[in-house]
C-alpha atoms as a PDB file:
ATOM      1  CA  MET A   1     -13.276  11.571   0.816  1.00  0.00           C
ATOM      2  CA  THR A   2     -15.458   8.639  -0.043  1.00  0.00           C
ATOM      3  CA  HIS A   3     -14.105   5.123   0.289  1.00  0.00           C
ATOM      4  CA  LEU A   4     -13.935   4.829  -3.513  1.00  0.00           C
ATOM      5  CA  GLN A   5     -12.018   8.111  -3.782  1.00  0.00           C
ATOM      6  CA  LYS A   6      -9.520   6.806  -1.236  1.00  0.00           C
ATOM      7  CA  ILE A   7      -9.065   3.599  -3.219  1.00  0.00           C
ATOM      8  CA  GLN A   8      -8.589   5.546  -6.438  1.00  0.00           C
ATOM      9  CA  HIS A   9      -6.054   7.860  -4.800  1.00  0.00           C
ATOM     10  CA  LEU A  10      -4.147   4.863  -3.455  1.00  0.00           C
ATOM     11  CA  GLU A  11      -4.066   3.261  -6.899  1.00  0.00           C
ATOM     12  CA  ASN A  12      -2.872   6.485  -8.537  1.00  0.00           C
ATOM     13  CA  TYR A  13      -0.205   6.951  -5.890  1.00  0.00           C
ATOM     14  CA  LEU A  14       1.091   3.413  -6.298  1.00  0.00           C
ATOM     15  CA  ASN A  15       1.240   3.844 -10.072  1.00  0.00           C
ATOM     16  CA  GLN A  16       3.424   6.962  -9.916  1.00  0.00           C
ATOM     17  CA  SER A  17       6.846   6.603 -11.481  1.00  0.00           C
ATOM     18  CA  ASN A  18       9.620   5.089  -9.393  1.00  0.00           C
ATOM     19  CA  GLU A  19      11.958   7.786  -8.176  1.00  0.00           C
ATOM     20  CA  SER A  20      13.753   5.957  -5.392  1.00  0.00           C
ATOM     21  CA  TYR A  21      14.705   2.494  -4.252  1.00  0.00           C
ATOM     22  CA  SER A  22      11.773   2.307  -1.840  1.00  0.00           C
ATOM     23  CA  ASP A  23       9.356   3.115  -4.670  1.00  0.00           C
ATOM     24  CA  THR A  24      10.301  -0.166  -6.328  1.00  0.00           C
ATOM     25  CA  PHE A  25       8.212  -1.908  -3.677  1.00  0.00           C
ATOM     26  CA  LYS A  26       5.069  -0.170  -4.939  1.00  0.00           C
ATOM     27  CA  GLU A  27       4.743  -2.941  -7.515  1.00  0.00           C
ATOM     28  CA  ASP A  28       4.638  -5.514  -4.704  1.00  0.00           C
ATOM     29  CA  ILE A  29       1.837  -3.553  -3.064  1.00  0.00           C
ATOM     30  CA  LEU A  30      -0.088  -3.410  -6.344  1.00  0.00           C
ATOM     31  CA  LEU A  31       0.263  -7.173  -6.657  1.00  0.00           C
ATOM     32  CA  TYR A  32      -0.891  -7.611  -3.059  1.00  0.00           C
ATOM     33  CA  PHE A  33      -4.198  -5.994  -4.018  1.00  0.00           C
ATOM     34  CA  ASN A  34      -4.404  -8.224  -7.121  1.00  0.00           C
ATOM     35  CA  GLN A  35      -4.937  -5.099  -9.222  1.00  0.00           C
ATOM     36  CA  ASP A  36      -8.506  -5.130  -7.815  1.00  0.00           C
ATOM     37  CA  PHE A  37      -9.045  -1.506  -6.874  1.00  0.00           C
ATOM     38  CA  THR A  38     -12.778  -1.725  -6.209  1.00  0.00           C
ATOM     39  CA  GLU A  39     -14.890  -1.087  -3.136  1.00  0.00           C
ATOM     40  CA  GLU A  40     -15.673  -4.802  -2.980  1.00  0.00           C
ATOM     41  CA  ASN A  41     -12.061  -5.643  -2.142  1.00  0.00           C
ATOM     42  CA  SER A  42     -11.994  -6.062   1.636  1.00  0.00           C
ATOM     43  CA  GLN A  43      -8.229  -5.448   1.713  1.00  0.00           C
ATOM     44  CA  PHE A  44      -8.958  -1.718   1.663  1.00  0.00           C
ATOM     45  CA  GLU A  45     -10.491  -1.657   5.145  1.00  0.00           C
ATOM     46  CA  PHE A  46      -7.386   0.144   6.435  1.00  0.00           C
ATOM     47  CA  LEU A  47      -8.364   3.170   4.339  1.00  0.00           C
ATOM     48  CA  LYS A  48     -11.431   3.810   6.498  1.00  0.00           C
ATOM     49  CA  GLU A  49      -9.213   5.198   9.270  1.00  0.00           C
ATOM     50  CA  LEU A  50      -7.405   7.539   6.862  1.00  0.00           C
ATOM     51  CA  GLY A  51      -9.199  10.786   6.090  1.00  0.00           C
ATOM     52  CA  SER A  52      -7.078  12.546   3.503  1.00  0.00           C
ATOM     53  CA  PRO A  53      -4.851  11.926   0.485  1.00  0.00           C
ATOM     54  CA  GLU A  54      -1.870  12.951   2.588  1.00  0.00           C
ATOM     55  CA  ALA A  55      -2.714  10.355   5.267  1.00  0.00           C
ATOM     56  CA  ILE A  56      -2.911   7.648   2.591  1.00  0.00           C
ATOM     57  CA  GLU A  57       0.438   8.682   1.164  1.00  0.00           C
ATOM     58  CA  GLN A  58       2.011   8.764   4.633  1.00  0.00           C
ATOM     59  CA  LYS A  59       0.751   5.240   5.349  1.00  0.00           C
ATOM     60  CA  ILE A  60       2.278   3.952   2.092  1.00  0.00           C
ATOM     61  CA  GLU A  61       5.519   5.859   2.656  1.00  0.00           C
ATOM     62  CA  PHE A  62       5.768   4.264   6.101  1.00  0.00           C
ATOM     63  CA  LEU A  63       5.228   0.815   4.577  1.00  0.00           C
ATOM     64  CA  LEU A  64       7.859   1.508   1.924  1.00  0.00           C
ATOM     65  CA  SER A  65      10.345   2.625   4.562  1.00  0.00           C
ATOM     66  CA  GLN A  66       9.705  -0.583   6.502  1.00  0.00           C
ATOM     67  CA  PHE A  67      10.436  -2.591   3.355  1.00  0.00           C
ATOM     68  CA  VAL A  68      13.812  -0.890   3.110  1.00  0.00           C
ATOM     69  CA  LEU A  69      14.634  -1.214   6.806  1.00  0.00           C
ATOM     70  CA  LYS A  70      13.148  -4.532   7.888  1.00  0.00           C
ATOM     71  CA  PHE A  71      12.047  -6.773   5.015  1.00  0.00           C
ATOM     72  CA  ASP A  72      13.912 -10.082   4.869  1.00  0.00           C
ATOM     73  CA  ALA A  73      12.979 -12.088   1.775  1.00  0.00           C
ATOM     74  CA  GLU A  74      14.468 -15.239   3.312  1.00  0.00           C
ATOM     75  CA  GLN A  75      12.192 -15.063   6.349  1.00  0.00           C
ATOM     76  CA  GLU A  76       8.880 -13.741   4.971  1.00  0.00           C
ATOM     77  CA  SER A  77       6.943 -13.066   1.800  1.00  0.00           C
ATOM     78  CA  GLU A  78       6.096  -9.630   0.463  1.00  0.00           C
ATOM     79  CA  ASN A  79       2.386 -10.332   0.954  1.00  0.00           C
ATOM     80  CA  ASP A  80       2.850 -11.301   4.609  1.00  0.00           C
ATOM     81  CA  PHE A  81       4.908  -8.172   5.179  1.00  0.00           C
ATOM     82  CA  ILE A  82       2.308  -5.911   3.553  1.00  0.00           C
ATOM     83  CA  TYR A  83      -0.515  -7.595   5.453  1.00  0.00           C
ATOM     84  CA  TYR A  84       1.302  -6.976   8.714  1.00  0.00           C
ATOM     85  CA  TYR A  85       1.459  -3.229   8.080  1.00  0.00           C
ATOM     86  CA  LEU A  86      -1.839  -2.682   6.221  1.00  0.00           C
ATOM     87  CA  GLY A  87      -4.075  -5.590   7.073  1.00  0.00           C
ATOM     88  CA  GLN A  88      -4.187  -5.177  10.812  1.00  0.00           C
END
């Protein structure tokens, strides 16, 4: 997959309908990327280590599970939380 294809897959995956509680956090992730799903957005560097659509989906599913298990809105912001799991 090219980097652009990975970005497009990520955007499509995040825009899928909400089927569970954890999926409600997809909107927060979309906002984190400022709806800027272009190759120029440096926030997508984490995609370079992911080689397939399944790997991208697994990374997002892991992030969503961490939102459910560990996110504390009183202690941190959604953006800081997402950066911790994707931005490193």
